[in-house]
C-alpha cells in the first residue's frame, strides 16, 4: 500500500533471487559449466553414518566429478583434471557449496572449515536428503550422485509389500471362468525380492533406520508399510482371491494394494499362457487344423479365428467373434463346434 519494503525484506528477496539465478550464471557468462556436486556414500553397516562428499561436476558429462580433495590440493587459477580444464576451481566450489548450504542446512557446519571435503549424515538425515533435499538441490543446479539402488528408492521393487503368486490351485476345477471369476492366490511378504518372516521384519525394524540393506541393495522401510506388514503377519492372511480382471491388471503393471500393502511383484505360474495371449505378449494364436468332419476350406484368418475360440474354450472363457460382414463368422463357428465334437 505504498510502503517501501524494509531492509530485512529486501535482504531476503535479494538472497532468494541470487539462489534462483545462480544455476544460470555459467550459461549467461559462456564459461565451461562446472557445478557443485554432492556424492552420497553409504556406510558399511545399516545403523552407521553416511558421508556426503563435495566436488565439482561437469554439466555436459555428469560422470566426471572432481573430488574436493583434488581441488583444495591444487590452488591454481586453472585446474587440469583428466584432460579437462576448470577455471577458478576453488572459488567455483566454495560458491556452489554456499548455494547448496542455503538449500540444505546440514552442510553449513562443514563450511566453517578452510577446506571442506564433505559432511557426515545420520541415517535419518541421509533418508531426508534422498526424499526431500536431493530434488531441490538438483532443481537449483547442484549435482547429486547416489548409489544406484538409492536412485530407485521409490520403485515398487524396493518397497515393503506383498508378492502375489498364482499356484496349482488357482484355477477352480471344473468351472468356467470369466473376467469376474475369483481365483485363489498366495500372498507373500517381500522387500527387495526377498521373502520376509515375522522375525526378519522384527530385525529390520529394530535397527531404527528407514534405510536397510537387502540382497546388497538399500531399500526403504516406510512406517505405514511396516505397520501394515505387522498386521498382515499377525492375521496370517496368506491366501486370498482375486478376480481374473484384477490379475490381468497386475500382470500389466497396474499398482494395487492388498491388506494395505502395495503389490510389489506378481508370479503368474499356471496363468502365464493365458495372460500372455490375452495381453498380446506372445505370438499370434495358432491357426487350427480343420476338423475331419468339416466340409469346406478355412481361409488363414478364419483358421486363426477358430484357434482363438478353441483357446478361450480351453480356459473356460466365453468369446465374441466380431468380424465384418461376409468374412465368415458362421463358417468359423461351424468349424469350432466340430472341433469341440472331435476333441
Protein backbone atom coordinates (compact mmCIF):
# COMPACT_ATOMS: atom_id res chain seq x y z
CA UNK A 1 0.00 0.00 0.00
CA UNK A 2 2.68 2.48 -0.99
CA UNK A 3 5.11 1.46 1.77
CA UNK A 4 8.73 0.70 0.92
CA UNK A 5 9.96 -2.78 1.90
CA UNK A 6 12.21 -2.98 4.97
CA UNK A 7 15.92 -3.76 4.71
CA UNK A 8 15.23 -7.23 6.14
CA UNK A 9 12.64 -7.93 3.46
CA UNK A 10 14.98 -6.64 0.75
CA UNK A 11 17.79 -8.87 2.02
CA UNK A 12 15.52 -11.93 1.91
CA UNK A 13 14.39 -11.04 -1.61
CA UNK A 14 17.99 -10.47 -2.74
CA UNK A 15 19.08 -13.84 -1.32
CA UNK A 16 16.12 -15.61 -2.93
CA UNK A 17 16.85 -14.03 -6.32
CA UNK A 18 20.56 -14.87 -6.08
CA UNK A 19 19.72 -18.51 -5.26
CA UNK A 20 17.27 -18.67 -8.15
CA UNK A 21 19.65 -17.14 -10.69
CA UNK A 22 22.82 -18.98 -9.55
CA UNK A 23 22.31 -22.09 -11.73
CA UNK A 24 22.00 -19.85 -14.81
CA UNK A 25 25.17 -17.80 -14.30
CA UNK A 26 27.59 -20.18 -16.07
CA UNK A 27 25.31 -20.24 -19.11
CA UNK A 28 24.93 -16.44 -19.15
CA UNK A 29 28.70 -15.85 -18.96
CA UNK A 30 29.52 -18.52 -21.55
CA UNK A 31 32.06 -20.25 -19.30
CA UNK A 32 32.51 -24.04 -19.28
CA UNK A 33 29.88 -25.38 -16.94
CA UNK A 34 31.08 -26.98 -13.72
CA UNK A 35 28.63 -27.15 -10.87
CA UNK A 36 28.86 -28.14 -7.20
CA UNK A 37 28.22 -31.81 -6.66
CA UNK A 38 27.22 -33.81 -3.59
CA UNK A 39 28.01 -37.54 -3.69
CA UNK A 40 26.30 -39.70 -1.10
CA UNK A 41 28.31 -42.67 0.19
CA UNK A 42 26.60 -45.46 2.13
CA UNK A 43 28.03 -46.74 5.43
CA UNK A 44 29.42 -50.23 5.99
CA UNK A 45 26.54 -51.08 8.32
CA UNK A 46 22.88 -50.06 8.32
CA UNK A 47 23.00 -48.01 11.54
CA UNK A 48 26.26 -46.23 10.63
CA UNK A 49 26.71 -42.63 9.49
CA UNK A 50 26.60 -41.69 5.82
CA UNK A 51 29.13 -39.45 4.07
CA UNK A 52 28.22 -36.62 1.70
CA UNK A 53 31.33 -35.84 -0.35
CA UNK A 54 31.85 -32.47 -2.06
CA UNK A 55 33.18 -31.87 -5.54
CA UNK A 56 32.64 -30.26 -8.94
CA UNK A 57 30.69 -32.00 -11.68
CA UNK A 58 30.76 -31.35 -15.39
CA UNK A 59 27.26 -30.41 -16.54
CA UNK A 60 27.99 -31.78 -20.02
CA UNK A 61 29.50 -35.02 -18.67
CA UNK A 62 27.88 -35.90 -15.31
CA UNK A 63 30.17 -38.92 -14.88
CA UNK A 64 33.10 -36.50 -14.44
CA UNK A 65 33.23 -35.48 -10.77
CA UNK A 66 36.34 -33.76 -9.37
CA UNK A 67 36.68 -34.51 -5.63
CA UNK A 68 37.11 -31.58 -3.24
CA UNK A 69 40.43 -33.08 -2.06
CA UNK A 70 41.87 -32.64 -5.58
CA UNK A 71 40.59 -29.07 -5.80
CA UNK A 72 41.96 -27.98 -2.41
CA UNK A 73 45.36 -29.59 -3.02
CA UNK A 74 45.79 -27.64 -6.28
CA UNK A 75 45.50 -23.87 -5.54
CA UNK A 76 45.69 -22.80 -9.19
CA UNK A 77 43.74 -20.48 -11.46
CA UNK A 78 43.14 -23.33 -13.91
CA UNK A 79 42.99 -26.97 -12.87
CA UNK A 80 43.60 -29.66 -15.47
CA UNK A 81 41.91 -32.91 -14.44
CA UNK A 82 41.67 -35.97 -16.70
CA UNK A 83 42.14 -33.77 -19.75
CA UNK A 84 39.53 -31.20 -18.66
CA UNK A 85 40.32 -27.60 -17.67
CA UNK A 86 38.40 -25.92 -14.86
CA UNK A 87 38.84 -22.17 -14.32
CA UNK A 88 38.91 -20.90 -10.71
CA UNK A 89 38.02 -24.33 -9.27
CA UNK A 90 38.26 -23.37 -5.58
CA UNK A 91 36.11 -20.27 -5.98
CA UNK A 92 33.56 -22.22 -8.03
CA UNK A 93 33.38 -24.95 -5.40
CA UNK A 94 33.01 -22.51 -2.49
CA UNK A 95 30.30 -20.51 -4.26
CA UNK A 96 28.46 -23.71 -5.12
CA UNK A 97 28.66 -25.05 -1.59
CA UNK A 98 27.33 -21.75 -0.30
CA UNK A 99 24.31 -22.15 -2.58
CA UNK A 100 23.86 -25.78 -1.51
CA UNK A 101 24.03 -24.92 2.19
CA UNK A 102 21.18 -22.44 1.82
CA UNK A 103 19.07 -25.27 0.42
CA UNK A 104 20.27 -27.99 2.77
CA UNK A 105 21.17 -26.80 6.29
CA UNK A 106 23.25 -29.84 7.46
CA UNK A 107 26.06 -28.64 5.14
CA UNK A 108 26.56 -25.36 6.99
CA UNK A 109 28.74 -26.63 9.85
CA UNK A 110 31.27 -28.23 7.48
CA UNK A 111 31.73 -24.94 5.63
CA UNK A 112 33.30 -23.39 8.73
CA UNK A 113 36.49 -25.30 7.89
CA UNK A 114 39.01 -23.85 5.42
CA UNK A 115 38.92 -26.83 3.05
CA UNK A 116 35.56 -28.63 3.36
CA UNK A 117 35.61 -32.12 1.86
CA UNK A 118 32.15 -33.29 2.91
CA UNK A 119 29.89 -33.83 5.88
CA UNK A 120 28.63 -36.74 7.95
CA UNK A 121 24.91 -37.57 7.97
CA UNK A 122 22.96 -39.71 10.38
CA UNK A 123 20.73 -42.43 8.83
CA UNK A 124 17.69 -40.20 9.35
CA UNK A 125 19.43 -37.22 7.73
CA UNK A 126 20.52 -39.39 4.79
CA UNK A 127 16.92 -40.51 4.34
CA UNK A 128 15.66 -36.91 4.43
CA UNK A 129 18.38 -35.95 1.94
CA UNK A 130 17.20 -38.62 -0.51
CA UNK A 131 13.47 -38.00 -0.09
CA UNK A 132 13.36 -34.21 0.16
CA UNK A 133 16.61 -32.33 -0.35
CA UNK A 134 18.07 -34.11 -3.39
CA UNK A 135 15.48 -32.95 -5.90
CA UNK A 136 15.51 -29.37 -4.52
CA UNK A 137 19.29 -29.25 -4.92
CA UNK A 138 19.12 -30.66 -8.44
CA UNK A 139 16.42 -28.15 -9.43
CA UNK A 140 18.77 -25.38 -8.25
CA UNK A 141 21.70 -26.60 -10.34
CA UNK A 142 23.54 -28.70 -7.76
CA UNK A 143 24.66 -32.14 -8.93
CA UNK A 144 23.61 -35.09 -6.79
CA UNK A 145 25.12 -38.58 -7.09
CA UNK A 146 23.72 -41.50 -5.07
CA UNK A 147 24.29 -45.28 -5.14
CA UNK A 148 22.25 -46.96 -7.93
CA UNK A 149 19.82 -48.77 -5.61
CA UNK A 150 19.06 -45.49 -3.81
CA UNK A 151 18.23 -43.82 -7.12
CA UNK A 152 15.47 -46.44 -7.43
CA UNK A 153 14.24 -45.91 -3.88
CA UNK A 154 10.67 -45.05 -4.89
CA UNK A 155 10.25 -48.00 -7.25
CA UNK A 156 7.79 -50.71 -6.21
CA UNK A 157 10.52 -53.35 -6.40
CA UNK A 158 12.27 -51.69 -3.43
CA UNK A 159 9.13 -51.28 -1.30
CA UNK A 160 8.00 -53.46 1.55
CA UNK A 161 4.89 -55.17 0.22
CA UNK A 162 3.34 -58.41 -0.97
CA UNK A 163 4.14 -60.70 -3.85
CA UNK A 164 1.04 -62.28 -5.39
CA UNK A 165 1.64 -65.87 -6.53
CA UNK A 166 -0.68 -67.98 -8.65
CA UNK A 167 -0.31 -71.69 -7.86
CA UNK A 168 -1.71 -75.07 -8.89
CA UNK A 169 -4.98 -74.43 -7.02
CA UNK A 170 -5.52 -71.01 -8.59
CA UNK A 171 -7.99 -72.18 -11.24
CA UNK A 172 -11.31 -73.56 -9.97
CA UNK A 173 -11.58 -77.15 -11.15
CA UNK A 174 -14.46 -77.98 -13.48
CA UNK A 175 -15.75 -74.40 -13.61
CA UNK A 176 -15.87 -71.90 -16.42
CA UNK A 177 -14.12 -68.63 -15.70
CA UNK A 178 -14.64 -65.06 -16.80
CA UNK A 179 -13.16 -61.67 -16.02
CA UNK A 180 -15.10 -61.56 -12.76
CA UNK A 181 -14.25 -65.11 -11.69
CA UNK A 182 -12.48 -65.29 -8.33
CA UNK A 183 -9.16 -67.16 -8.43
CA UNK A 184 -7.09 -68.40 -5.50
CA UNK A 185 -3.70 -66.74 -4.99
CA UNK A 186 -0.98 -66.79 -2.33
CA UNK A 187 0.35 -63.64 -0.63
CA UNK A 188 3.99 -63.47 0.44
CA UNK A 189 5.58 -60.56 2.35
CA UNK A 190 8.67 -59.35 0.48
CA UNK A 191 11.13 -56.48 0.18
CA UNK A 192 13.83 -56.19 -2.46
CA UNK A 193 12.76 -59.57 -3.92
CA UNK A 194 13.43 -61.30 -0.59
CA UNK A 195 10.72 -63.11 1.37
CA UNK A 196 10.30 -61.81 4.93
CA UNK A 197 9.20 -63.70 8.02
CA UNK A 198 7.99 -62.07 11.22
CA UNK A 199 11.50 -62.50 12.67
CA UNK A 200 13.08 -60.84 9.61
CA UNK A 201 10.75 -57.86 9.88
CA UNK A 202 11.43 -57.51 13.61
CA UNK A 203 15.19 -57.50 12.97
CA UNK A 204 14.93 -54.81 10.29
CA UNK A 205 12.67 -52.54 12.35
CA UNK A 206 14.91 -52.93 15.42
CA UNK A 207 17.67 -51.11 13.51
CA UNK A 208 15.67 -47.90 13.89
CA UNK A 209 16.57 -46.63 10.42
CA UNK A 210 14.34 -46.14 7.37
CA UNK A 211 17.09 -47.43 5.05
CA UNK A 212 18.17 -51.07 5.24
CA UNK A 213 20.22 -53.43 3.08
CA UNK A 214 18.50 -56.35 1.33
CA UNK A 215 20.49 -58.58 -1.02
CA UNK A 216 23.25 -55.99 -1.16
CA UNK A 217 20.92 -53.11 -2.10
CA UNK A 218 19.48 -50.31 0.01
CA UNK A 219 15.70 -50.29 0.34
CA UNK A 220 13.21 -48.13 2.22
CA UNK A 221 11.14 -49.07 5.26
CA UNK A 222 8.14 -46.75 5.30
CA UNK A 223 6.37 -46.59 8.68
CA UNK A 224 2.94 -47.13 7.08
CA UNK A 225 4.22 -50.21 5.24
CA UNK A 226 5.79 -51.61 8.41
CA UNK A 227 2.53 -51.23 10.36
CA UNK A 228 0.57 -52.89 7.56
CA UNK A 229 3.14 -55.71 7.33
CA UNK A 230 2.94 -56.38 11.07
CA UNK A 231 -0.86 -56.57 10.87
CA UNK A 232 -0.65 -58.83 7.82
CA UNK A 233 1.72 -61.26 9.55
CA UNK A 234 -0.35 -61.26 12.75
CA UNK A 235 -3.58 -62.00 10.85
CA UNK A 236 -1.86 -64.74 8.76
CA UNK A 237 -3.89 -63.84 5.68
CA UNK A 238 -1.57 -65.65 3.32
CA UNK A 239 -4.36 -66.83 0.99
CA UNK A 240 -6.92 -64.68 -0.81
CA UNK A 241 -8.94 -64.49 -4.01
CA UNK A 242 -8.61 -62.05 -6.89
CA UNK A 243 -10.74 -61.70 -9.99
CA UNK A 244 -9.18 -62.56 -13.33
CA UNK A 245 -9.68 -58.90 -14.22
CA UNK A 246 -7.56 -57.82 -11.23
CA UNK A 247 -4.91 -60.41 -12.11
CA UNK A 248 -4.69 -59.07 -15.66
CA UNK A 249 -4.23 -55.57 -14.22
CA UNK A 250 -1.41 -56.85 -12.01
CA UNK A 251 0.28 -58.52 -14.96
CA UNK A 252 0.10 -55.23 -16.85
CA UNK A 253 1.93 -53.44 -14.03
CA UNK A 254 -1.04 -51.51 -12.62
CA UNK A 255 -0.31 -50.77 -8.96
CA UNK A 256 -2.70 -52.27 -6.45
CA UNK A 257 -2.93 -52.53 -2.69
CA UNK A 258 -3.83 -55.72 -0.78
CA UNK A 259 -4.13 -55.80 3.01
CA UNK A 260 -2.97 -52.14 2.98
CA UNK A 261 0.34 -53.23 1.40
CA UNK A 262 1.49 -52.43 -2.15
CA UNK A 263 1.67 -55.35 -4.56
CA UNK A 264 5.37 -55.24 -5.45
CA UNK A 265 5.51 -58.29 -7.74
CA UNK A 266 3.33 -60.90 -9.39
CA UNK A 267 4.12 -64.50 -10.30
CA UNK A 268 1.61 -65.81 -12.84
CA UNK A 269 2.53 -69.51 -12.64
CA UNK A 270 -0.13 -71.56 -14.47
CA UNK A 271 -1.82 -68.37 -15.67
CA UNK A 272 1.19 -67.20 -17.69
CA UNK A 273 -0.01 -68.63 -21.02
CA UNK A 274 -3.46 -67.11 -20.58
CA UNK A 275 -2.05 -63.71 -19.60
CA UNK A 276 0.48 -63.67 -22.44
CA UNK A 277 -2.19 -64.49 -25.00
CA UNK A 278 -4.84 -62.10 -23.70
CA UNK A 279 -2.33 -59.26 -23.46
CA UNK A 280 -0.65 -59.99 -26.80
CA UNK A 281 2.78 -60.71 -25.26
CA UNK A 282 3.35 -63.91 -27.21
CA UNK A 283 2.97 -64.95 -30.82
CA UNK A 284 -0.43 -64.78 -32.52
CA UNK A 285 -2.95 -67.53 -31.76
CA UNK A 286 -2.07 -70.60 -33.79
CA UNK A 287 -4.36 -71.46 -36.67
CA UNK A 288 -6.33 -74.64 -36.04
CA UNK A 289 -6.32 -77.67 -38.29
CA UNK A 290 -9.79 -78.10 -39.89
CA UNK A 291 -11.74 -80.91 -38.21
CA UNK A 292 -12.04 -84.13 -40.23
CA UNK A 293 -15.82 -83.75 -40.47
CA UNK A 294 -15.59 -80.18 -41.72
CA UNK A 295 -16.65 -79.84 -45.36
CA UNK A 296 -15.06 -76.75 -46.78
CA UNK A 297 -11.89 -74.67 -46.68
CA UNK A 298 -10.87 -72.28 -43.94
CA UNK A 299 -9.01 -69.18 -45.04
CA UNK A 300 -5.87 -68.40 -42.95
CA UNK A 301 -7.57 -65.69 -40.88
CA UNK A 302 -10.60 -67.95 -40.35
CA UNK A 303 -8.36 -70.79 -39.11
CA UNK A 304 -6.80 -68.31 -36.63
CA UNK A 305 -10.30 -67.25 -35.55
CA UNK A 306 -11.23 -70.86 -34.80
CA UNK A 307 -7.92 -71.24 -32.94
CA UNK A 308 -8.83 -68.19 -30.82
CA UNK A 309 -12.22 -69.69 -29.96
CA UNK A 310 -10.59 -73.03 -29.07
CA UNK A 311 -8.00 -71.28 -26.88
CA UNK A 312 -10.65 -69.40 -24.90
CA UNK A 313 -12.77 -72.54 -24.55
CA UNK A 314 -9.80 -74.42 -23.12
CA UNK A 315 -9.59 -71.78 -20.38
CA UNK A 316 -13.35 -71.75 -19.86
CA UNK A 317 -13.73 -68.21 -21.21
CA UNK A 318 -16.51 -67.02 -23.47
CA UNK A 319 -15.81 -65.11 -26.67
CA UNK A 320 -17.34 -62.59 -29.03
CA UNK A 321 -16.43 -63.18 -32.68
CA UNK A 322 -16.86 -59.78 -34.33
CA UNK A 323 -15.60 -59.91 -37.92
CA UNK A 324 -17.03 -57.65 -40.60
CA UNK A 325 -19.97 -58.82 -42.68
CA UNK A 326 -19.08 -61.54 -45.16
CA UNK A 327 -15.76 -62.57 -43.58
CA UNK A 328 -17.04 -65.94 -42.45
CA UNK A 329 -18.19 -65.86 -38.83
CA UNK A 330 -20.65 -68.66 -39.49
CA UNK A 331 -18.11 -70.99 -41.07
CA UNK A 332 -15.73 -70.33 -38.14
CA UNK A 333 -18.49 -71.16 -35.65
CA UNK A 334 -19.30 -74.40 -37.51
CA UNK A 335 -15.62 -75.43 -37.59
CA UNK A 336 -15.30 -74.62 -33.87
CA UNK A 337 -18.34 -76.76 -32.96
CA UNK A 338 -16.98 -79.66 -35.00
CA UNK A 339 -13.60 -79.21 -33.28
CA UNK A 340 -15.32 -79.50 -29.89
CA UNK A 341 -17.20 -82.57 -31.07
CA UNK A 342 -14.00 -84.30 -32.14
CA UNK A 343 -11.96 -83.36 -29.06
